[in-house]
Amino acid sequence: DISYNEFGEKVSAESKERVQNYLEQILSTFRFVK
């Protein structure tokens, strides 16, 4: 979830890509267990 408004700091494409990489890394550690 990335939320921002016109009064806040501009969100760069690099920052979005970086946090997306963190999400993908978290996903890569997910597994089903018994």
PDB file of all heavy atoms in Angstrom:
ATOM      1  N   ASP A   1       0.856  -1.188   0.000  1.00  0.00           N
ATOM      2  CA  ASP A   1       0.000   0.000   0.000  1.00  0.00           C
ATOM      3  C   ASP A   1       0.891   1.236   0.000  1.00  0.00           C
ATOM      4  O   ASP A   1       1.632   1.474   0.958  1.00  0.00           O
ATOM      5  CB  ASP A   1      -0.908  -0.032   1.235  1.00  0.00           C
ATOM      6  CG  ASP A   1      -1.715   1.249   1.400  1.00  0.00           C
ATOM      7  OD1 ASP A   1      -1.675   2.109   0.516  1.00  0.00           O
ATOM      8  OD2 ASP A   1      -2.387   1.385   2.448  1.00  0.00           O
ATOM      9  N   ILE A   2       0.834   2.006  -1.070  1.00  0.00           N
ATOM     10  CA  ILE A   2       1.578   3.267  -1.167  1.00  0.00           C
ATOM     11  C   ILE A   2       0.560   4.394  -1.264  1.00  0.00           C
ATOM     12  O   ILE A   2      -0.194   4.471  -2.235  1.00  0.00           O
ATOM     13  CB  ILE A   2       2.510   3.281  -2.397  1.00  0.00           C
ATOM     14  CG1 ILE A   2       3.483   2.100  -2.348  1.00  0.00           C
ATOM     15  CG2 ILE A   2       3.266   4.606  -2.490  1.00  0.00           C
ATOM     16  CD1 ILE A   2       4.333   1.960  -3.592  1.00  0.00           C
ATOM     17  N   SER A   3       0.524   5.263  -0.255  1.00  0.00           N
ATOM     18  CA  SER A   3      -0.452   6.357  -0.222  1.00  0.00           C
ATOM     19  C   SER A   3       0.277   7.690  -0.097  1.00  0.00           C
ATOM     20  O   SER A   3       1.202   7.827   0.701  1.00  0.00           O
ATOM     21  CB  SER A   3      -1.416   6.188   0.955  1.00  0.00           C
ATOM     22  OG  SER A   3      -2.141   4.973   0.842  1.00  0.00           O
ATOM     23  N   TYR A   4      -0.145   8.664  -0.864  1.00  0.00           N
ATOM     24  CA  TYR A   4       0.478   9.983  -0.814  1.00  0.00           C
ATOM     25  C   TYR A   4      -0.515  11.015  -1.345  1.00  0.00           C
ATOM     26  O   TYR A   4      -1.543  10.684  -1.948  1.00  0.00           O
ATOM     27  CB  TYR A   4       1.772  10.018  -1.634  1.00  0.00           C
ATOM     28  CG  TYR A   4       1.614   9.574  -3.074  1.00  0.00           C
ATOM     29  CD1 TYR A   4       1.391  10.490  -4.099  1.00  0.00           C
ATOM     30  CD2 TYR A   4       1.669   8.219  -3.413  1.00  0.00           C
ATOM     31  CE1 TYR A   4       1.239  10.082  -5.407  1.00  0.00           C
ATOM     32  CE2 TYR A   4       1.524   7.799  -4.725  1.00  0.00           C
ATOM     33  CZ  TYR A   4       1.311   8.729  -5.707  1.00  0.00           C
ATOM     34  OH  TYR A   4       1.151   8.315  -6.998  1.00  0.00           O
ATOM     35  N   ASN A   5      -0.215  12.302  -1.116  1.00  0.00           N
ATOM     36  CA  ASN A   5      -1.069  13.390  -1.587  1.00  0.00           C
ATOM     37  C   ASN A   5      -0.200  14.485  -2.175  1.00  0.00           C
ATOM     38  O   ASN A   5       1.031  14.415  -2.151  1.00  0.00           O
ATOM     39  CB  ASN A   5      -1.946  13.935  -0.457  1.00  0.00           C
ATOM     40  CG  ASN A   5      -1.111  14.387   0.725  1.00  0.00           C
ATOM     41  OD1 ASN A   5      -0.356  15.351   0.634  1.00  0.00           O
ATOM     42  ND2 ASN A   5      -1.247  13.680   1.850  1.00  0.00           N
ATOM     43  N   GLU A   6      -0.857  15.516  -2.704  1.00  0.00           N
ATOM     44  CA  GLU A   6      -0.114  16.562  -3.409  1.00  0.00           C
ATOM     45  C   GLU A   6       0.712  17.425  -2.463  1.00  0.00           C
ATOM     46  O   GLU A   6       1.597  18.172  -2.899  1.00  0.00           O
ATOM     47  CB  GLU A   6      -1.075  17.444  -4.219  1.00  0.00           C
ATOM     48  CG  GLU A   6      -2.044  18.261  -3.376  1.00  0.00           C
ATOM     49  CD  GLU A   6      -3.346  17.514  -3.136  1.00  0.00           C
ATOM     50  OE1 GLU A   6      -3.323  16.272  -3.119  1.00  0.00           O
ATOM     51  OE2 GLU A   6      -4.377  18.189  -2.955  1.00  0.00           O
ATOM     52  N   PHE A   7       0.452  17.332  -1.142  1.00  0.00           N
ATOM     53  CA  PHE A   7       1.194  18.150  -0.188  1.00  0.00           C
ATOM     54  C   PHE A   7       2.434  17.426   0.349  1.00  0.00           C
ATOM     55  O   PHE A   7       3.290  18.033   0.967  1.00  0.00           O
ATOM     56  CB  PHE A   7       0.291  18.535   0.993  1.00  0.00           C
ATOM     57  CG  PHE A   7      -0.952  19.255   0.571  1.00  0.00           C
ATOM     58  CD1 PHE A   7      -2.182  18.643   0.657  1.00  0.00           C
ATOM     59  CD2 PHE A   7      -0.885  20.553   0.073  1.00  0.00           C
ATOM     60  CE1 PHE A   7      -3.336  19.300   0.261  1.00  0.00           C
ATOM     61  CE2 PHE A   7      -2.036  21.213  -0.322  1.00  0.00           C
ATOM     62  CZ  PHE A   7      -3.265  20.591  -0.230  1.00  0.00           C
ATOM     63  N   GLY A   8       2.505  16.126   0.119  1.00  0.00           N
ATOM     64  CA  GLY A   8       3.629  15.355   0.642  1.00  0.00           C
ATOM     65  C   GLY A   8       4.800  15.319  -0.320  1.00  0.00           C
ATOM     66  O   GLY A   8       4.781  15.903  -1.411  1.00  0.00           O
ATOM     67  N   GLU A   9       5.853  14.639   0.114  1.00  0.00           N
ATOM     68  CA  GLU A   9       7.041  14.512  -0.714  1.00  0.00           C
ATOM     69  C   GLU A   9       6.738  13.645  -1.933  1.00  0.00           C
ATOM     70  O   GLU A   9       6.023  12.654  -1.851  1.00  0.00           O
ATOM     71  CB  GLU A   9       8.174  13.884   0.102  1.00  0.00           C
ATOM     72  CG  GLU A   9       9.478  13.760  -0.658  1.00  0.00           C
ATOM     73  CD  GLU A   9      10.591  13.205   0.217  1.00  0.00           C
ATOM     74  OE1 GLU A   9      10.395  13.132   1.443  1.00  0.00           O
ATOM     75  OE2 GLU A   9      11.648  12.860  -0.344  1.00  0.00           O
ATOM     76  N   LYS A  10       7.286  14.029  -3.074  1.00  0.00           N
ATOM     77  CA  LYS A  10       7.054  13.276  -4.297  1.00  0.00           C
ATOM     78  C   LYS A  10       7.671  11.880  -4.183  1.00  0.00           C
ATOM     79  O   LYS A  10       8.792  11.719  -3.734  1.00  0.00           O
ATOM     80  CB  LYS A  10       7.655  14.017  -5.483  1.00  0.00           C
ATOM     81  CG  LYS A  10       7.347  13.362  -6.820  1.00  0.00           C
ATOM     82  CD  LYS A  10       7.900  14.176  -7.980  1.00  0.00           C
ATOM     83  CE  LYS A  10       7.591  13.517  -9.309  1.00  0.00           C
ATOM     84  NZ  LYS A  10       8.126  14.300 -10.448  1.00  0.00           N
ATOM     85  N   VAL A  11       6.917  10.884  -4.582  1.00  0.00           N
ATOM     86  CA  VAL A  11       7.372   9.497  -4.500  1.00  0.00           C
ATOM     87  C   VAL A  11       8.088   9.144  -5.802  1.00  0.00           C
ATOM     88  O   VAL A  11       7.490   9.205  -6.882  1.00  0.00           O
ATOM     89  CB  VAL A  11       6.188   8.547  -4.254  1.00  0.00           C
ATOM     90  CG1 VAL A  11       6.674   7.107  -4.214  1.00  0.00           C
ATOM     91  CG2 VAL A  11       5.466   8.914  -2.966  1.00  0.00           C
ATOM     92  N   SER A  12       9.332   8.777  -5.699  1.00  0.00           N
ATOM     93  CA  SER A  12      10.114   8.482  -6.898  1.00  0.00           C
ATOM     94  C   SER A  12       9.881   7.053  -7.363  1.00  0.00           C
ATOM     95  O   SER A  12       9.510   6.173  -6.576  1.00  0.00           O
ATOM     96  CB  SER A  12      11.603   8.692  -6.618  1.00  0.00           C
ATOM     97  OG  SER A  12      12.074   7.732  -5.686  1.00  0.00           O
ATOM     98  N   ALA A  13      10.139   6.836  -8.639  1.00  0.00           N
ATOM     99  CA  ALA A  13      10.006   5.493  -9.195  1.00  0.00           C
ATOM    100  C   ALA A  13      11.030   4.548  -8.568  1.00  0.00           C
ATOM    101  O   ALA A  13      10.756   3.363  -8.377  1.00  0.00           O
ATOM    102  CB  ALA A  13      10.188   5.546 -10.719  1.00  0.00           C
ATOM    103  N   GLU A  14      12.218   5.074  -8.219  1.00  0.00           N
ATOM    104  CA  GLU A  14      13.244   4.250  -7.596  1.00  0.00           C
ATOM    105  C   GLU A  14      12.793   3.744  -6.222  1.00  0.00           C
ATOM    106  O   GLU A  14      13.051   2.590  -5.859  1.00  0.00           O
ATOM    107  CB  GLU A  14      14.545   5.036  -7.464  1.00  0.00           C
ATOM    108  CG  GLU A  14      15.233   5.355  -8.769  1.00  0.00           C
ATOM    109  CD  GLU A  14      14.594   6.536  -9.502  1.00  0.00           C
ATOM    110  OE1 GLU A  14      13.725   7.216  -8.906  1.00  0.00           O
ATOM    111  OE2 GLU A  14      14.956   6.771 -10.670  1.00  0.00           O
ATOM    112  N   SER A  15      12.121   4.608  -5.447  1.00  0.00           N
ATOM    113  CA  SER A  15      11.639   4.207  -4.121  1.00  0.00           C
ATOM    114  C   SER A  15      10.548   3.150  -4.236  1.00  0.00           C
ATOM    115  O   SER A  15      10.511   2.185  -3.465  1.00  0.00           O
ATOM    116  CB  SER A  15      11.107   5.431  -3.361  1.00  0.00           C
ATOM    117  OG  SER A  15      12.144   6.352  -3.103  1.00  0.00           O
ATOM    118  N   LYS A  16       9.667   3.312  -5.208  1.00  0.00           N
ATOM    119  CA  LYS A  16       8.614   2.322  -5.428  1.00  0.00           C
ATOM    120  C   LYS A  16       9.211   0.975  -5.802  1.00  0.00           C
ATOM    121  O   LYS A  16       8.778  -0.071  -5.309  1.00  0.00           O
ATOM    122  CB  LYS A  16       7.661   2.797  -6.533  1.00  0.00           C
ATOM    123  CG  LYS A  16       6.821   4.011  -6.174  1.00  0.00           C
ATOM    124  CD  LYS A  16       5.919   4.382  -7.338  1.00  0.00           C
ATOM    125  CE  LYS A  16       5.118   5.633  -7.038  1.00  0.00           C
ATOM    126  NZ  LYS A  16       4.230   5.998  -8.172  1.00  0.00           N
ATOM    127  N   GLU A  17      10.210   1.005  -6.677  1.00  0.00           N
ATOM    128  CA  GLU A  17      10.838  -0.244  -7.099  1.00  0.00           C
ATOM    129  C   GLU A  17      11.545  -0.915  -5.922  1.00  0.00           C
ATOM    130  O   GLU A  17      11.515  -2.142  -5.788  1.00  0.00           O
ATOM    131  CB  GLU A  17      11.836   0.029  -8.217  1.00  0.00           C
ATOM    132  CG  GLU A  17      12.510  -1.218  -8.748  1.00  0.00           C
ATOM    133  CD  GLU A  17      13.485  -0.923  -9.869  1.00  0.00           C
ATOM    134  OE1 GLU A  17      13.649   0.263 -10.223  1.00  0.00           O
ATOM    135  OE2 GLU A  17      14.102  -1.879 -10.380  1.00  0.00           O
ATOM    136  N   ARG A  18      12.145  -0.115  -5.056  1.00  0.00           N
ATOM    137  CA  ARG A  18      12.882  -0.684  -3.927  1.00  0.00           C
ATOM    138  C   ARG A  18      11.956  -1.389  -2.947  1.00  0.00           C
ATOM    139  O   ARG A  18      12.233  -2.511  -2.509  1.00  0.00           O
ATOM    140  CB  ARG A  18      13.661   0.414  -3.211  1.00  0.00           C
ATOM    141  CG  ARG A  18      14.665  -0.121  -2.194  1.00  0.00           C
ATOM    142  CD  ARG A  18      15.510   0.985  -1.637  1.00  0.00           C
ATOM    143  NE  ARG A  18      16.465   0.469  -0.675  1.00  0.00           N
ATOM    144  CZ  ARG A  18      17.247   1.238   0.079  1.00  0.00           C
ATOM    145  NH1 ARG A  18      17.181   2.548  -0.047  1.00  0.00           N
ATOM    146  NH2 ARG A  18      18.096   0.687   0.941  1.00  0.00           N
ATOM    147  N   VAL A  19      10.844  -0.754  -2.607  1.00  0.00           N
ATOM    148  CA  VAL A  19       9.926  -1.394  -1.666  1.00  0.00           C
ATOM    149  C   VAL A  19       9.207  -2.566  -2.320  1.00  0.00           C
ATOM    150  O   VAL A  19       8.871  -3.557  -1.657  1.00  0.00           O
ATOM    151  CB  VAL A  19       8.920  -0.356  -1.098  1.00  0.00           C
ATOM    152  CG1 VAL A  19       7.848   0.002  -2.110  1.00  0.00           C
ATOM    153  CG2 VAL A  19       8.294  -0.868   0.194  1.00  0.00           C
ATOM    154  N   GLN A  20       8.992  -2.513  -3.631  1.00  0.00           N
ATOM    155  CA  GLN A  20       8.435  -3.656  -4.363  1.00  0.00           C
ATOM    156  C   GLN A  20       9.388  -4.844  -4.285  1.00  0.00           C
ATOM    157  O   GLN A  20       8.960  -5.996  -4.133  1.00  0.00           O
ATOM    158  CB  GLN A  20       8.178  -3.274  -5.820  1.00  0.00           C
ATOM    159  CG  GLN A  20       7.716  -4.427  -6.707  1.00  0.00           C
ATOM    160  CD  GLN A  20       6.329  -4.939  -6.362  1.00  0.00           C
ATOM    161  OE1 GLN A  20       5.489  -4.193  -5.865  1.00  0.00           O
ATOM    162  NE2 GLN A  20       6.075  -6.210  -6.630  1.00  0.00           N
ATOM    163  N   ASN A  21      10.695  -4.579  -4.351  1.00  0.00           N
ATOM    164  CA  ASN A  21      11.680  -5.653  -4.224  1.00  0.00           C
ATOM    165  C   ASN A  21      11.611  -6.299  -2.845  1.00  0.00           C
ATOM    166  O   ASN A  21      11.786  -7.520  -2.715  1.00  0.00           O
ATOM    167  CB  ASN A  21      13.087  -5.112  -4.487  1.00  0.00           C
ATOM    168  CG  ASN A  21      13.331  -4.778  -5.946  1.00  0.00           C
ATOM    169  OD1 ASN A  21      12.616  -5.255  -6.818  1.00  0.00           O
ATOM    170  ND2 ASN A  21      14.328  -3.955  -6.208  1.00  0.00           N
ATOM    171  N   TYR A  22      11.360  -5.483  -1.817  1.00  0.00           N
ATOM    172  CA  TYR A  22      11.218  -6.047  -0.472  1.00  0.00           C
ATOM    173  C   TYR A  22       9.990  -6.948  -0.402  1.00  0.00           C
ATOM    174  O   TYR A  22      10.029  -8.022   0.207  1.00  0.00           O
ATOM    175  CB  TYR A  22      11.128  -4.934   0.572  1.00  0.00           C
ATOM    176  CG  TYR A  22      12.464  -4.511   1.107  1.00  0.00           C
ATOM    177  CD1 TYR A  22      13.186  -3.486   0.519  1.00  0.00           C
ATOM    178  CD2 TYR A  22      13.016  -5.158   2.211  1.00  0.00           C
ATOM    179  CE1 TYR A  22      14.420  -3.101   0.999  1.00  0.00           C
ATOM    180  CE2 TYR A  22      14.259  -4.783   2.707  1.00  0.00           C
ATOM    181  CZ  TYR A  22      14.956  -3.750   2.094  1.00  0.00           C
ATOM    182  OH  TYR A  22      16.193  -3.393   2.573  1.00  0.00           O
ATOM    183  N   LEU A  23       8.901  -6.516  -0.998  1.00  0.00           N
ATOM    184  CA  LEU A  23       7.699  -7.340  -1.007  1.00  0.00           C
ATOM    185  C   LEU A  23       7.973  -8.664  -1.714  1.00  0.00           C
ATOM    186  O   LEU A  23       7.581  -9.740  -1.225  1.00  0.00           O
ATOM    187  CB  LEU A  23       6.552  -6.599  -1.691  1.00  0.00           C
ATOM    188  CG  LEU A  23       5.275  -7.426  -1.942  1.00  0.00           C
ATOM    189  CD1 LEU A  23       4.706  -7.959  -0.640  1.00  0.00           C
ATOM    190  CD2 LEU A  23       4.232  -6.609  -2.685  1.00  0.00           C
ATOM    191  N   GLU A  24       8.632  -8.623  -2.852  1.00  0.00           N
ATOM    192  CA  GLU A  24       8.918  -9.844  -3.598  1.00  0.00           C
ATOM    193  C   GLU A  24       9.858 -10.761  -2.813  1.00  0.00           C
ATOM    194  O   GLU A  24       9.730 -11.986  -2.873  1.00  0.00           O
ATOM    195  CB  GLU A  24       9.510  -9.489  -4.960  1.00  0.00           C
ATOM    196  CG  GLU A  24       8.506  -8.801  -5.881  1.00  0.00           C
ATOM    197  CD  GLU A  24       9.098  -8.433  -7.223  1.00  0.00           C
ATOM    198  OE1 GLU A  24      10.324  -8.698  -7.427  1.00  0.00           O
ATOM    199  OE2 GLU A  24       8.373  -7.881  -8.066  1.00  0.00           O
ATOM    200  N   GLN A  25      10.781 -10.158  -2.051  1.00  0.00           N
ATOM    201  CA  GLN A  25      11.670 -10.983  -1.244  1.00  0.00           C
ATOM    202  C   GLN A  25      10.915 -11.659  -0.101  1.00  0.00           C
ATOM    203  O   GLN A  25      11.159 -12.822   0.227  1.00  0.00           O
ATOM    204  CB  GLN A  25      12.809 -10.129  -0.680  1.00  0.00           C
ATOM    205  CG  GLN A  25      13.854 -10.926   0.066  1.00  0.00           C
ATOM    206  CD  GLN A  25      14.492 -11.987  -0.807  1.00  0.00           C
ATOM    207  OE1 GLN A  25      15.274 -11.685  -1.692  1.00  0.00           O
ATOM    208  NE2 GLN A  25      14.163 -13.238  -0.578  1.00  0.00           N
ATOM    209  N   ILE A  26       9.988 -10.931   0.512  1.00  0.00           N
ATOM    210  CA  ILE A  26       9.141 -11.531   1.549  1.00  0.00           C
ATOM    211  C   ILE A  26       8.337 -12.675   0.954  1.00  0.00           C
ATOM    212  O   ILE A  26       8.229 -13.757   1.545  1.00  0.00           O
ATOM    213  CB  ILE A  26       8.216 -10.459   2.166  1.00  0.00           C
ATOM    214  CG1 ILE A  26       9.037  -9.462   2.983  1.00  0.00           C
ATOM    215  CG2 ILE A  26       7.148 -11.105   3.053  1.00  0.00           C
ATOM    216  CD1 ILE A  26       8.228  -8.263   3.464  1.00  0.00           C
ATOM    217  N   LEU A  27       7.778 -12.456  -0.218  1.00  0.00           N
ATOM    218  CA  LEU A  27       7.005 -13.505  -0.889  1.00  0.00           C
ATOM    219  C   LEU A  27       7.854 -14.743  -1.156  1.00  0.00           C
ATOM    220  O   LEU A  27       7.369 -15.872  -1.043  1.00  0.00           O
ATOM    221  CB  LEU A  27       6.450 -12.978  -2.220  1.00  0.00           C
ATOM    222  CG  LEU A  27       5.197 -12.114  -2.163  1.00  0.00           C
ATOM    223  CD1 LEU A  27       4.958 -11.457  -3.510  1.00  0.00           C
ATOM    224  CD2 LEU A  27       3.992 -12.936  -1.763  1.00  0.00           C
ATOM    225  N   SER A  28       9.120 -14.534  -1.483  1.00  0.00           N
ATOM    226  CA  SER A  28       9.985 -15.668  -1.811  1.00  0.00           C
ATOM    227  C   SER A  28      10.282 -16.538  -0.596  1.00  0.00           C
ATOM    228  O   SER A  28      10.702 -17.686  -0.745  1.00  0.00           O
ATOM    229  CB  SER A  28      11.290 -15.176  -2.442  1.00  0.00           C
ATOM    230  OG  SER A  28      12.144 -14.607  -1.465  1.00  0.00           O
ATOM    231  N   THR A  29      10.065 -16.003   0.624  1.00  0.00           N
ATOM    232  CA  THR A  29      10.308 -16.797   1.835  1.00  0.00           C
ATOM    233  C   THR A  29       9.045 -17.484   2.334  1.00  0.00           C
ATOM    234  O   THR A  29       9.103 -18.283   3.272  1.00  0.00           O
ATOM    235  CB  THR A  29      10.861 -15.909   2.966  1.00  0.00           C
ATOM    236  OG1 THR A  29       9.832 -15.013   3.423  1.00  0.00           O
ATOM    237  CG2 THR A  29      12.063 -15.108   2.496  1.00  0.00           C
ATOM    238  N   PHE A  30       7.912 -17.157   1.733  1.00  0.00           N
ATOM    239  CA  PHE A  30       6.638 -17.727   2.172  1.00  0.00           C
ATOM    240  C   PHE A  30       6.535 -19.185   1.728  1.00  0.00           C
ATOM    241  O   PHE A  30       6.886 -19.533   0.609  1.00  0.00           O
ATOM    242  CB  PHE A  30       5.484 -16.920   1.569  1.00  0.00           C
ATOM    243  CG  PHE A  30       4.129 -17.521   1.798  1.00  0.00           C
ATOM    244  CD1 PHE A  30       3.463 -17.328   2.997  1.00  0.00           C
ATOM    245  CD2 PHE A  30       3.516 -18.285   0.818  1.00  0.00           C
ATOM    246  CE1 PHE A  30       2.213 -17.880   3.215  1.00  0.00           C
ATOM    247  CE2 PHE A  30       2.264 -18.841   1.029  1.00  0.00           C
ATOM    248  CZ  PHE A  30       1.615 -18.638   2.230  1.00  0.00           C
ATOM    249  N   ARG A  31       6.035 -20.026   2.634  1.00  0.00           N
ATOM    250  CA  ARG A  31       5.791 -21.419   2.283  1.00  0.00           C
ATOM    251  C   ARG A  31       4.710 -21.993   3.184  1.00  0.00           C
ATOM    252  O   ARG A  31       4.470 -21.512   4.297  1.00  0.00           O
ATOM    253  CB  ARG A  31       7.065 -22.249   2.377  1.00  0.00           C
ATOM    254  CG  ARG A  31       7.595 -22.465   3.780  1.00  0.00           C
ATOM    255  CD  ARG A  31       8.946 -23.161   3.769  1.00  0.00           C
ATOM    256  NE  ARG A  31       9.376 -23.557   5.106  1.00  0.00           N
ATOM    257  CZ  ARG A  31       9.210 -24.769   5.622  1.00  0.00           C
ATOM    258  NH1 ARG A  31       8.626 -25.717   4.903  1.00  0.00           N
ATOM    259  NH2 ARG A  31       9.610 -25.063   6.840  1.00  0.00           N
ATOM    260  N   PHE A  32       4.059 -23.016   2.688  1.00  0.00           N
ATOM    261  CA  PHE A  32       3.069 -23.736   3.480  1.00  0.00           C
ATOM    262  C   PHE A  32       3.790 -24.720   4.394  1.00  0.00           C
ATOM    263  O   PHE A  32       4.788 -25.328   4.002  1.00  0.00           O
ATOM    264  CB  PHE A  32       2.097 -24.487   2.576  1.00  0.00           C
ATOM    265  CG  PHE A  32       1.362 -23.606   1.603  1.00  0.00           C
ATOM    266  CD1 PHE A  32       1.435 -23.837   0.232  1.00  0.00           C
ATOM    267  CD2 PHE A  32       0.603 -22.540   2.049  1.00  0.00           C
ATOM    268  CE1 PHE A  32       0.764 -23.024  -0.659  1.00  0.00           C
ATOM    269  CE2 PHE A  32      -0.079 -21.720   1.167  1.00  0.00           C
ATOM    270  CZ  PHE A  32       0.008 -21.969  -0.195  1.00  0.00           C
ATOM    271  N   VAL A  33       3.281 -24.880   5.612  1.00  0.00           N
ATOM    272  CA  VAL A  33       3.897 -25.807   6.564  1.00  0.00           C
ATOM    273  C   VAL A  33       2.821 -26.666   7.210  1.00  0.00           C
ATOM    274  O   VAL A  33       1.636 -26.327   7.217  1.00  0.00           O
ATOM    275  CB  VAL A  33       4.691 -25.064   7.668  1.00  0.00           C
ATOM    276  CG1 VAL A  33       5.802 -24.229   7.075  1.00  0.00           C
ATOM    277  CG2 VAL A  33       3.762 -24.214   8.525  1.00  0.00           C
ATOM    278  N   LYS A  34       3.272 -27.771   7.770  1.00  0.00           N
ATOM    279  CA  LYS A  34       2.419 -28.657   8.535  1.00  0.00           C
ATOM    280  C   LYS A  34       2.927 -28.728   9.959  1.00  0.00           C
ATOM    281  O   LYS A  34       4.086 -28.367  10.250  1.00  0.00           O
ATOM    282  CB  LYS A  34       2.398 -30.055   7.900  1.00  0.00           C
ATOM    283  CG  LYS A  34       1.842 -30.066   6.491  1.00  0.00           C
ATOM    284  CD  LYS A  34       1.867 -31.475   5.922  1.00  0.00           C
ATOM    285  CE  LYS A  34       1.321 -31.497   4.499  1.00  0.00           C
ATOM    286  NZ  LYS A  34       1.363 -32.864   3.901  1.00  0.00           N
TER     287      LYS A  34
END
